[in-house]
Amino acid sequence: MKCPKCDSKIPAISLIKITRWTDISCGQCKSKLNRNLNGQFWVMNILGSGVLPLLLILPFVFVNFFLALILTILFVIGFYFLDYKTTKLIISKRSGVE
């Protein structure tokens, strides 16, 4: 992720802090940033929150629970990385800067 104002890199951990009601600040220019709530955001949230992990764990429930747990953890980490790479930041409307 990059700041849309100064093009500096935003750390991956900052993605966890962004909600509809809270913004993050750019480390360089101090702009208030938020996610663009477009279709990609909603598809990633619906798939990542329940649909795909459920489909991943169901075949292994009766076979090997430990394997299902490891695959689910790897899926969540990979999903977070994909979300980080595809998130588009915008300057927050609450920042007063247009």
PDB file of N, CA and C in Angstrom:
ATOM      1  N   MET A   1       0.841  -1.170   0.000  1.00  0.00           N
ATOM      2  CA  MET A   1       0.000   0.000   0.000  1.00  0.00           C
ATOM      3  C   MET A   1       0.889   1.236   0.000  1.00  0.00           C
ATOM      4  N   LYS A   2       0.437   2.223  -0.717  1.00  0.00           N
ATOM      5  CA  LYS A   2       1.165   3.484  -0.776  1.00  0.00           C
ATOM      6  C   LYS A   2       0.220   4.636  -0.494  1.00  0.00           C
ATOM      7  N   CYS A   3       0.777   5.697   0.068  1.00  0.00           N
ATOM      8  CA  CYS A   3       0.004   6.902   0.336  1.00  0.00           C
ATOM      9  C   CYS A   3      -0.347   7.560  -0.999  1.00  0.00           C
ATOM     10  N   PRO A   4      -1.622   7.915  -1.204  1.00  0.00           N
ATOM     11  CA  PRO A   4      -1.988   8.537  -2.479  1.00  0.00           C
ATOM     12  C   PRO A   4      -1.474   9.968  -2.612  1.00  0.00           C
ATOM     13  N   LYS A   5      -1.070  10.583  -1.522  1.00  0.00           N
ATOM     14  CA  LYS A   5      -0.608  11.961  -1.569  1.00  0.00           C
ATOM     15  C   LYS A   5       0.901  12.062  -1.808  1.00  0.00           C
ATOM     16  N   CYS A   6       1.699  11.302  -1.021  1.00  0.00           N
ATOM     17  CA  CYS A   6       3.160  11.434  -1.135  1.00  0.00           C
ATOM     18  C   CYS A   6       3.834  10.178  -1.671  1.00  0.00           C
ATOM     19  N   ASP A   7       3.078   9.105  -1.911  1.00  0.00           N
ATOM     20  CA  ASP A   7       3.580   7.858  -2.495  1.00  0.00           C
ATOM     21  C   ASP A   7       4.555   7.106  -1.586  1.00  0.00           C
ATOM     22  N   SER A   8       4.495   7.359  -0.273  1.00  0.00           N
ATOM     23  CA  SER A   8       5.355   6.602   0.645  1.00  0.00           C
ATOM     24  C   SER A   8       4.676   5.288   1.015  1.00  0.00           C
ATOM     25  N   LYS A   9       5.471   4.307   1.396  1.00  0.00           N
ATOM     26  CA  LYS A   9       4.955   2.976   1.701  1.00  0.00           C
ATOM     27  C   LYS A   9       4.301   2.965   3.085  1.00  0.00           C
ATOM     28  N   ILE A  10       3.149   2.314   3.184  1.00  0.00           N
ATOM     29  CA  ILE A  10       2.415   2.166   4.435  1.00  0.00           C
ATOM     30  C   ILE A  10       2.641   0.739   4.927  1.00  0.00           C
ATOM     31  N   PRO A  11       2.999   0.542   6.208  1.00  0.00           N
ATOM     32  CA  PRO A  11       3.254  -0.815   6.723  1.00  0.00           C
ATOM     33  C   PRO A  11       2.007  -1.701   6.668  1.00  0.00           C
ATOM     34  N   ALA A  12       2.228  -2.998   6.513  1.00  0.00           N
ATOM     35  CA  ALA A  12       1.118  -3.955   6.392  1.00  0.00           C
ATOM     36  C   ALA A  12       0.275  -4.004   7.658  1.00  0.00           C
ATOM     37  N   ILE A  13       0.861  -3.821   8.813  1.00  0.00           N
ATOM     38  CA  ILE A  13       0.116  -3.902  10.064  1.00  0.00           C
ATOM     39  C   ILE A  13      -0.917  -2.785  10.165  1.00  0.00           C
ATOM     40  N   SER A  14      -0.724  -1.716   9.434  1.00  0.00           N
ATOM     41  CA  SER A  14      -1.674  -0.599   9.467  1.00  0.00           C
ATOM     42  C   SER A  14      -3.027  -0.973   8.889  1.00  0.00           C
ATOM     43  N   LEU A  15      -3.075  -1.996   8.045  1.00  0.00           N
ATOM     44  CA  LEU A  15      -4.337  -2.419   7.448  1.00  0.00           C
ATOM     45  C   LEU A  15      -5.325  -2.887   8.514  1.00  0.00           C
ATOM     46  N   ILE A  16      -4.822  -3.454   9.601  1.00  0.00           N
ATOM     47  CA  ILE A  16      -5.685  -3.926  10.679  1.00  0.00           C
ATOM     48  C   ILE A  16      -6.372  -2.751  11.379  1.00  0.00           C
ATOM     49  N   LYS A  17      -5.720  -1.609  11.421  1.00  0.00           N
ATOM     50  CA  LYS A  17      -6.235  -0.452  12.149  1.00  0.00           C
ATOM     51  C   LYS A  17      -7.330   0.302  11.412  1.00  0.00           C
ATOM     52  N   ILE A  18      -7.485   0.073  10.110  1.00  0.00           N
ATOM     53  CA  ILE A  18      -8.451   0.827   9.313  1.00  0.00           C
ATOM     54  C   ILE A  18      -9.845   0.231   9.483  1.00  0.00           C
ATOM     55  N   THR A  19     -10.803   1.085   9.844  1.00  0.00           N
ATOM     56  CA  THR A  19     -12.216   0.701   9.864  1.00  0.00           C
ATOM     57  C   THR A  19     -13.009   1.797   9.158  1.00  0.00           C
ATOM     58  N   ARG A  20     -14.316   1.657   9.142  1.00  0.00           N
ATOM     59  CA  ARG A  20     -15.139   2.714   8.554  1.00  0.00           C
ATOM     60  C   ARG A  20     -15.050   3.995   9.372  1.00  0.00           C
ATOM     61  N   TRP A  21     -14.735   3.859  10.667  1.00  0.00           N
ATOM     62  CA  TRP A  21     -14.779   5.005  11.567  1.00  0.00           C
ATOM     63  C   TRP A  21     -13.399   5.523  11.966  1.00  0.00           C
ATOM     64  N   THR A  22     -12.356   4.761  11.697  1.00  0.00           N
ATOM     65  CA  THR A  22     -11.009   5.203  12.062  1.00  0.00           C
ATOM     66  C   THR A  22     -10.116   5.259  10.831  1.00  0.00           C
ATOM     67  N   ASP A  23      -9.201   6.191  10.836  1.00  0.00           N
ATOM     68  CA  ASP A  23      -8.247   6.376   9.748  1.00  0.00           C
ATOM     69  C   ASP A  23      -6.849   6.025  10.242  1.00  0.00           C
ATOM     70  N   ILE A  24      -5.927   5.907   9.314  1.00  0.00           N
ATOM     71  CA  ILE A  24      -4.510   5.799   9.672  1.00  0.00           C
ATOM     72  C   ILE A  24      -3.814   7.041   9.140  1.00  0.00           C
ATOM     73  N   SER A  25      -2.647   7.327   9.684  1.00  0.00           N
ATOM     74  CA  SER A  25      -1.878   8.486   9.237  1.00  0.00           C
ATOM     75  C   SER A  25      -0.662   8.024   8.456  1.00  0.00           C
ATOM     76  N   CYS A  26      -0.349   8.754   7.418  1.00  0.00           N
ATOM     77  CA  CYS A  26       0.866   8.501   6.654  1.00  0.00           C
ATOM     78  C   CYS A  26       2.057   8.932   7.511  1.00  0.00           C
ATOM     79  N   GLY A  27       3.106   8.147   7.510  1.00  0.00           N
ATOM     80  CA  GLY A  27       4.286   8.475   8.292  1.00  0.00           C
ATOM     81  C   GLY A  27       5.059   9.673   7.754  1.00  0.00           C
ATOM     82  N   GLN A  28       4.949   9.961   6.457  1.00  0.00           N
ATOM     83  CA  GLN A  28       5.685  11.056   5.840  1.00  0.00           C
ATOM     84  C   GLN A  28       4.911  12.372   5.867  1.00  0.00           C
ATOM     85  N   CYS A  29       3.730  12.377   5.264  1.00  0.00           N
ATOM     86  CA  CYS A  29       2.999  13.638   5.082  1.00  0.00           C
ATOM     87  C   CYS A  29       1.887  13.842   6.107  1.00  0.00           C
ATOM     88  N   LYS A  30       1.658  12.861   6.985  1.00  0.00           N
ATOM     89  CA  LYS A  30       0.646  12.927   8.052  1.00  0.00           C
ATOM     90  C   LYS A  30      -0.788  13.038   7.537  1.00  0.00           C
ATOM     91  N   SER A  31      -1.038  12.655   6.292  1.00  0.00           N
ATOM     92  CA  SER A  31      -2.403  12.654   5.751  1.00  0.00           C
ATOM     93  C   SER A  31      -3.203  11.553   6.423  1.00  0.00           C
ATOM     94  N   LYS A  32      -4.477  11.807   6.632  1.00  0.00           N
ATOM     95  CA  LYS A  32      -5.385  10.792   7.160  1.00  0.00           C
ATOM     96  C   LYS A  32      -5.865   9.938   5.992  1.00  0.00           C
ATOM     97  N   LEU A  33      -5.681   8.626   6.097  1.00  0.00           N
ATOM     98  CA  LEU A  33      -5.995   7.714   5.006  1.00  0.00           C
ATOM     99  C   LEU A  33      -7.030   6.689   5.446  1.00  0.00           C
ATOM    100  N   ASN A  34      -7.818   6.228   4.497  1.00  0.00           N
ATOM    101  CA  ASN A  34      -8.800   5.199   4.750  1.00  0.00           C
ATOM    102  C   ASN A  34      -8.885   4.300   3.519  1.00  0.00           C
ATOM    103  N   ARG A  35      -9.591   3.165   3.648  1.00  0.00           N
ATOM    104  CA  ARG A  35      -9.770   2.251   2.523  1.00  0.00           C
ATOM    105  C   ARG A  35     -10.807   2.786   1.566  1.00  0.00           C
ATOM    106  N   ASN A  36     -10.657   2.428   0.325  1.00  0.00           N
ATOM    107  CA  ASN A  36     -11.688   2.692  -0.670  1.00  0.00           C
ATOM    108  C   ASN A  36     -12.709   1.560  -0.551  1.00  0.00           C
ATOM    109  N   LEU A  37     -13.940   1.879  -0.175  1.00  0.00           N
ATOM    110  CA  LEU A  37     -14.960   0.848   0.022  1.00  0.00           C
ATOM    111  C   LEU A  37     -15.640   0.524  -1.301  1.00  0.00           C
ATOM    112  N   ASN A  38     -14.890  -0.133  -2.177  1.00  0.00           N
ATOM    113  CA  ASN A  38     -15.412  -0.509  -3.487  1.00  0.00           C
ATOM    114  C   ASN A  38     -15.820  -1.985  -3.487  1.00  0.00           C
ATOM    115  N   GLY A  39     -16.142  -2.512  -4.627  1.00  0.00           N
ATOM    116  CA  GLY A  39     -16.563  -3.906  -4.740  1.00  0.00           C
ATOM    117  C   GLY A  39     -15.510  -4.892  -4.285  1.00  0.00           C
ATOM    118  N   GLN A  40     -14.252  -4.605  -4.543  1.00  0.00           N
ATOM    119  CA  GLN A  40     -13.163  -5.491  -4.126  1.00  0.00           C
ATOM    120  C   GLN A  40     -13.140  -5.631  -2.615  1.00  0.00           C
ATOM    121  N   PHE A  41     -13.390  -4.564  -1.896  1.00  0.00           N
ATOM    122  CA  PHE A  41     -13.414  -4.593  -0.440  1.00  0.00           C
ATOM    123  C   PHE A  41     -14.492  -5.550   0.062  1.00  0.00           C
ATOM    124  N   TRP A  42     -15.695  -5.449  -0.505  1.00  0.00           N
ATOM    125  CA  TRP A  42     -16.804  -6.285  -0.035  1.00  0.00           C
ATOM    126  C   TRP A  42     -16.608  -7.743  -0.420  1.00  0.00           C
ATOM    127  N   VAL A  43     -16.115  -8.014  -1.614  1.00  0.00           N
ATOM    128  CA  VAL A  43     -15.867  -9.399  -2.023  1.00  0.00           C
ATOM    129  C   VAL A  43     -14.801 -10.040  -1.137  1.00  0.00           C
ATOM    130  N   MET A  44     -13.725  -9.323  -0.870  1.00  0.00           N
ATOM    131  CA  MET A  44     -12.655  -9.857  -0.018  1.00  0.00           C
ATOM    132  C   MET A  44     -13.171 -10.124   1.392  1.00  0.00           C
ATOM    133  N   ASN A  45     -13.989  -9.233   1.939  1.00  0.00           N
ATOM    134  CA  ASN A  45     -14.498  -9.430   3.294  1.00  0.00           C
ATOM    135  C   ASN A  45     -15.468 -10.602   3.387  1.00  0.00           C
ATOM    136  N   ILE A  46     -16.353 -10.739   2.416  1.00  0.00           N
ATOM    137  CA  ILE A  46     -17.316 -11.842   2.459  1.00  0.00           C
ATOM    138  C   ILE A  46     -16.609 -13.182   2.278  1.00  0.00           C
ATOM    139  N   LEU A  47     -15.717 -13.265   1.305  1.00  0.00           N
ATOM    140  CA  LEU A  47     -15.000 -14.520   1.077  1.00  0.00           C
ATOM    141  C   LEU A  47     -14.044 -14.844   2.215  1.00  0.00           C
ATOM    142  N   GLY A  48     -13.324 -13.856   2.679  1.00  0.00           N
ATOM    143  CA  GLY A  48     -12.308 -14.098   3.701  1.00  0.00           C
ATOM    144  C   GLY A  48     -12.852 -14.331   5.083  1.00  0.00           C
ATOM    145  N   SER A  49     -14.033 -13.831   5.359  1.00  0.00           N
ATOM    146  CA  SER A  49     -14.544 -13.951   6.719  1.00  0.00           C
ATOM    147  C   SER A  49     -15.225 -15.283   7.004  1.00  0.00           C
ATOM    148  N   GLY A  50     -15.716 -15.950   5.999  1.00  0.00           N
ATOM    149  CA  GLY A  50     -16.398 -17.187   6.325  1.00  0.00           C
ATOM    150  C   GLY A  50     -16.517 -18.204   5.236  1.00  0.00           C
ATOM    151  N   VAL A  51     -16.736 -17.773   4.027  1.00  0.00           N
ATOM    152  CA  VAL A  51     -17.052 -18.718   2.954  1.00  0.00           C
ATOM    153  C   VAL A  51     -15.858 -19.623   2.632  1.00  0.00           C
ATOM    154  N   LEU A  52     -14.735 -19.037   2.313  1.00  0.00           N
ATOM    155  CA  LEU A  52     -13.587 -19.863   1.922  1.00  0.00           C
ATOM    156  C   LEU A  52     -12.971 -20.649   3.078  1.00  0.00           C
ATOM    157  N   PRO A  53     -12.824 -20.084   4.299  1.00  0.00           N
ATOM    158  CA  PRO A  53     -12.307 -20.917   5.388  1.00  0.00           C
ATOM    159  C   PRO A  53     -13.206 -22.114   5.694  1.00  0.00           C
ATOM    160  N   LEU A  54     -14.517 -21.923   5.603  1.00  0.00           N
ATOM    161  CA  LEU A  54     -15.440 -23.027   5.839  1.00  0.00           C
ATOM    162  C   LEU A  54     -15.274 -24.109   4.778  1.00  0.00           C
ATOM    163  N   LEU A  55     -15.174 -23.708   3.528  1.00  0.00           N
ATOM    164  CA  LEU A  55     -14.971 -24.679   2.453  1.00  0.00           C
ATOM    165  C   LEU A  55     -13.619 -25.381   2.573  1.00  0.00           C
ATOM    166  N   LEU A  56     -12.640 -24.689   3.125  1.00  0.00           N
ATOM    167  CA  LEU A  56     -11.319 -25.280   3.276  1.00  0.00           C
ATOM    168  C   LEU A  56     -11.283 -26.305   4.404  1.00  0.00           C
ATOM    169  N   ILE A  57     -11.961 -26.028   5.503  1.00  0.00           N
ATOM    170  CA  ILE A  57     -11.856 -26.897   6.673  1.00  0.00           C
ATOM    171  C   ILE A  57     -12.817 -28.085   6.637  1.00  0.00           C
ATOM    172  N   LEU A  58     -13.948 -27.969   5.949  1.00  0.00           N
ATOM    173  CA  LEU A  58     -14.937 -29.041   5.964  1.00  0.00           C
ATOM    174  C   LEU A  58     -14.433 -30.409   5.504  1.00  0.00           C
ATOM    175  N   PRO A  59     -13.671 -30.509   4.417  1.00  0.00           N
ATOM    176  CA  PRO A  59     -13.233 -31.850   3.995  1.00  0.00           C
ATOM    177  C   PRO A  59     -12.319 -32.536   5.003  1.00  0.00           C
ATOM    178  N   PHE A  60     -11.657 -31.781   5.870  1.00  0.00           N
ATOM    179  CA  PHE A  60     -10.678 -32.369   6.773  1.00  0.00           C
ATOM    180  C   PHE A  60     -11.206 -32.577   8.191  1.00  0.00           C
ATOM    181  N   VAL A  61     -12.441 -32.199   8.453  1.00  0.00           N
ATOM    182  CA  VAL A  61     -12.956 -32.282   9.821  1.00  0.00           C
ATOM    183  C   VAL A  61     -12.905 -33.713  10.343  1.00  0.00           C
ATOM    184  N   PHE A  62     -13.274 -34.661   9.533  1.00  0.00           N
ATOM    185  CA  PHE A  62     -13.292 -36.044   9.990  1.00  0.00           C
ATOM    186  C   PHE A  62     -12.022 -36.808   9.637  1.00  0.00           C
ATOM    187  N   VAL A  63     -11.149 -36.218   8.846  1.00  0.00           N
ATOM    188  CA  VAL A  63      -9.937 -36.914   8.437  1.00  0.00           C
ATOM    189  C   VAL A  63      -8.765 -36.545   9.345  1.00  0.00           C
ATOM    190  N   ASN A  64      -8.386 -35.278   9.338  1.00  0.00           N
ATOM    191  CA  ASN A  64      -7.237 -34.855  10.135  1.00  0.00           C
ATOM    192  C   ASN A  64      -7.441 -33.397  10.538  1.00  0.00           C
ATOM    193  N   PHE A  65      -7.831 -33.180  11.775  1.00  0.00           N
ATOM    194  CA  PHE A  65      -8.127 -31.829  12.240  1.00  0.00           C
ATOM    195  C   PHE A  65      -6.877 -30.955  12.262  1.00  0.00           C
ATOM    196  N   PHE A  66      -5.726 -31.522  12.634  1.00  0.00           N
ATOM    197  CA  PHE A  66      -4.486 -30.747  12.686  1.00  0.00           C
ATOM    198  C   PHE A  66      -4.114 -30.213  11.304  1.00  0.00           C
ATOM    199  N   LEU A  67      -4.259 -31.026  10.273  1.00  0.00           N
ATOM    200  CA  LEU A  67      -3.983 -30.592   8.909  1.00  0.00           C
ATOM    201  C   LEU A  67      -4.939 -29.477   8.496  1.00  0.00           C
ATOM    202  N   ALA A  68      -6.207 -29.614   8.855  1.00  0.00           N
ATOM    203  CA  ALA A  68      -7.188 -28.579   8.539  1.00  0.00           C
ATOM    204  C   ALA A  68      -6.849 -27.280   9.244  1.00  0.00           C
ATOM    205  N   LEU A  69      -6.399 -27.368  10.486  1.00  0.00           N
ATOM    206  CA  LEU A  69      -6.029 -26.173  11.237  1.00  0.00           C
ATOM    207  C   LEU A  69      -4.835 -25.467  10.602  1.00  0.00           C
ATOM    208  N   ILE A  70      -3.823 -26.207  10.223  1.00  0.00           N
ATOM    209  CA  ILE A  70      -2.631 -25.624   9.581  1.00  0.00           C
ATOM    210  C   ILE A  70      -3.009 -24.981   8.238  1.00  0.00           C
ATOM    211  N   LEU A  71      -3.812 -25.661   7.432  1.00  0.00           N
ATOM    212  CA  LEU A  71      -4.217 -25.107   6.141  1.00  0.00           C
ATOM    213  C   LEU A  71      -5.060 -23.849   6.319  1.00  0.00           C
ATOM    214  N   THR A  72      -5.915 -23.824   7.335  1.00  0.00           N
ATOM    215  CA  THR A  72      -6.727 -22.636   7.589  1.00  0.00           C
ATOM    216  C   THR A  72      -5.860 -21.462   8.009  1.00  0.00           C
ATOM    217  N   ILE A  73      -4.879 -21.698   8.856  1.00  0.00           N
ATOM    218  CA  ILE A  73      -3.961 -20.628   9.279  1.00  0.00           C
ATOM    219  C   ILE A  73      -3.179 -20.098   8.080  1.00  0.00           C
ATOM    220  N   LEU A  74      -2.688 -20.989   7.238  1.00  0.00           N
ATOM    221  CA  LEU A  74      -1.965 -20.555   6.034  1.00  0.00           C
ATOM    222  C   LEU A  74      -2.884 -19.776   5.096  1.00  0.00           C
ATOM    223  N   PHE A  75      -4.142 -20.192   4.995  1.00  0.00           N
ATOM    224  CA  PHE A  75      -5.096 -19.482   4.164  1.00  0.00           C
ATOM    225  C   PHE A  75      -5.317 -18.062   4.683  1.00  0.00           C
ATOM    226  N   VAL A  76      -5.500 -17.911   5.984  1.00  0.00           N
ATOM    227  CA  VAL A  76      -5.748 -16.591   6.562  1.00  0.00           C
ATOM    228  C   VAL A  76      -4.539 -15.677   6.345  1.00  0.00           C
ATOM    229  N   ILE A  77      -3.342 -16.193   6.516  1.00  0.00           N
ATOM    230  CA  ILE A  77      -2.134 -15.385   6.279  1.00  0.00           C
ATOM    231  C   ILE A  77      -2.039 -14.986   4.805  1.00  0.00           C
ATOM    232  N   GLY A  78      -2.279 -15.925   3.913  1.00  0.00           N
ATOM    233  CA  GLY A  78      -2.238 -15.620   2.484  1.00  0.00           C
ATOM    234  C   GLY A  78      -3.332 -14.646   2.076  1.00  0.00           C
ATOM    235  N   PHE A  79      -4.489 -14.798   2.662  1.00  0.00           N
ATOM    236  CA  PHE A  79      -5.599 -13.897   2.359  1.00  0.00           C
ATOM    237  C   PHE A  79      -5.293 -12.481   2.824  1.00  0.00           C
ATOM    238  N   TYR A  80      -4.688 -12.353   4.015  1.00  0.00           N
ATOM    239  CA  TYR A  80      -4.317 -11.028   4.517  1.00  0.00           C
ATOM    240  C   TYR A  80      -3.280 -10.377   3.590  1.00  0.00           C
ATOM    241  N   PHE A  81      -2.307 -11.161   3.116  1.00  0.00           N
ATOM    242  CA  PHE A  81      -1.298 -10.640   2.194  1.00  0.00           C
ATOM    243  C   PHE A  81      -1.952 -10.168   0.891  1.00  0.00           C
ATOM    244  N   LEU A  82      -2.884 -10.956   0.360  1.00  0.00           N
ATOM    245  CA  LEU A  82      -3.589 -10.564  -0.863  1.00  0.00           C
ATOM    246  C   LEU A  82      -4.408  -9.296  -0.637  1.00  0.00           C
ATOM    247  N   ASP A  83      -5.060  -9.195   0.506  1.00  0.00           N
ATOM    248  CA  ASP A  83      -5.838  -8.001   0.825  1.00  0.00           C
ATOM    249  C   ASP A  83      -4.923  -6.788   0.940  1.00  0.00           C
ATOM    250  N   TYR A  84      -3.763  -6.962   1.559  1.00  0.00           N
ATOM    251  CA  TYR A  84      -2.798  -5.861   1.695  1.00  0.00           C
ATOM    252  C   TYR A  84      -2.317  -5.385   0.324  1.00  0.00           C
ATOM    253  N   LYS A  85      -2.034  -6.311  -0.561  1.00  0.00           N
ATOM    254  CA  LYS A  85      -1.517  -5.954  -1.878  1.00  0.00           C
ATOM    255  C   LYS A  85      -2.569  -5.306  -2.783  1.00  0.00           C
ATOM    256  N   THR A  86      -3.845  -5.585  -2.552  1.00  0.00           N
ATOM    257  CA  THR A  86      -4.886  -5.067  -3.440  1.00  0.00           C
ATOM    258  C   THR A  86      -5.671  -3.893  -2.852  1.00  0.00           C
ATOM    259  N   THR A  87      -5.395  -3.507  -1.610  1.00  0.00           N
ATOM    260  CA  THR A  87      -6.135  -2.403  -0.992  1.00  0.00           C
ATOM    261  C   THR A  87      -5.686  -1.075  -1.570  1.00  0.00           C
ATOM    262  N   LYS A  88      -6.668  -0.256  -1.937  1.00  0.00           N
ATOM    263  CA  LYS A  88      -6.388   1.085  -2.428  1.00  0.00           C
ATOM    264  C   LYS A  88      -6.738   2.079  -1.327  1.00  0.00           C
ATOM    265  N   LEU A  89      -5.759   2.877  -0.920  1.00  0.00           N
ATOM    266  CA  LEU A  89      -5.995   3.888   0.099  1.00  0.00           C
ATOM    267  C   LEU A  89      -6.457   5.185  -0.541  1.00  0.00           C
ATOM    268  N   ILE A  90      -7.323   5.898   0.168  1.00  0.00           N
ATOM    269  CA  ILE A  90      -7.785   7.208  -0.279  1.00  0.00           C
ATOM    270  C   ILE A  90      -7.608   8.182   0.871  1.00  0.00           C
ATOM    271  N   ILE A  91      -7.527   9.457   0.539  1.00  0.00           N
ATOM    272  CA  ILE A  91      -7.460  10.480   1.579  1.00  0.00           C
ATOM    273  C   ILE A  91      -8.834  10.585   2.210  1.00  0.00           C
ATOM    274  N   SER A  92      -8.871  10.522   3.535  1.00  0.00           N
ATOM    275  CA  SER A  92     -10.137  10.480   4.259  1.00  0.00           C
ATOM    276  C   SER A  92     -10.913  11.778   4.084  1.00  0.00           C
ATOM    277  N   LYS A  93     -12.217  11.658   3.969  1.00  0.00           N
ATOM    278  CA  LYS A  93     -13.080  12.838   3.864  1.00  0.00           C
ATOM    279  C   LYS A  93     -13.144  13.580   5.184  1.00  0.00           C
ATOM    280  N   ARG A  94     -12.842  12.891   6.284  1.00  0.00           N
ATOM    281  CA  ARG A  94     -12.859  13.529   7.596  1.00  0.00           C
ATOM    282  C   ARG A  94     -11.596  14.333   7.872  1.00  0.00           C
ATOM    283  N   SER A  95     -10.597  14.242   7.000  1.00  0.00           N
ATOM    284  CA  SER A  95      -9.327  14.920   7.266  1.00  0.00           C
ATOM    285  C   SER A  95      -9.378  16.419   6.975  1.00  0.00           C
ATOM    286  N   GLY A  96     -10.358  16.852   6.228  1.00  0.00           N
ATOM    287  CA  GLY A  96     -10.453  18.270   5.884  1.00  0.00           C
ATOM    288  C   GLY A  96      -9.632  18.656   4.672  1.00  0.00           C
ATOM    289  N   VAL A  97      -8.897  17.690   4.103  1.00  0.00           N
ATOM    290  CA  VAL A  97      -8.074  17.941   2.913  1.00  0.00           C
ATOM    291  C   VAL A  97      -8.756  17.271   1.730  1.00  0.00           C
ATOM    292  N   GLU A  98      -9.039  17.999   0.703  1.00  0.00           N
ATOM    293  CA  GLU A  98      -9.703  17.423  -0.490  1.00  0.00           C
ATOM    294  C   GLU A  98      -8.722  17.335  -1.631  1.00  0.00           C
TER     295      GLU A  98
END
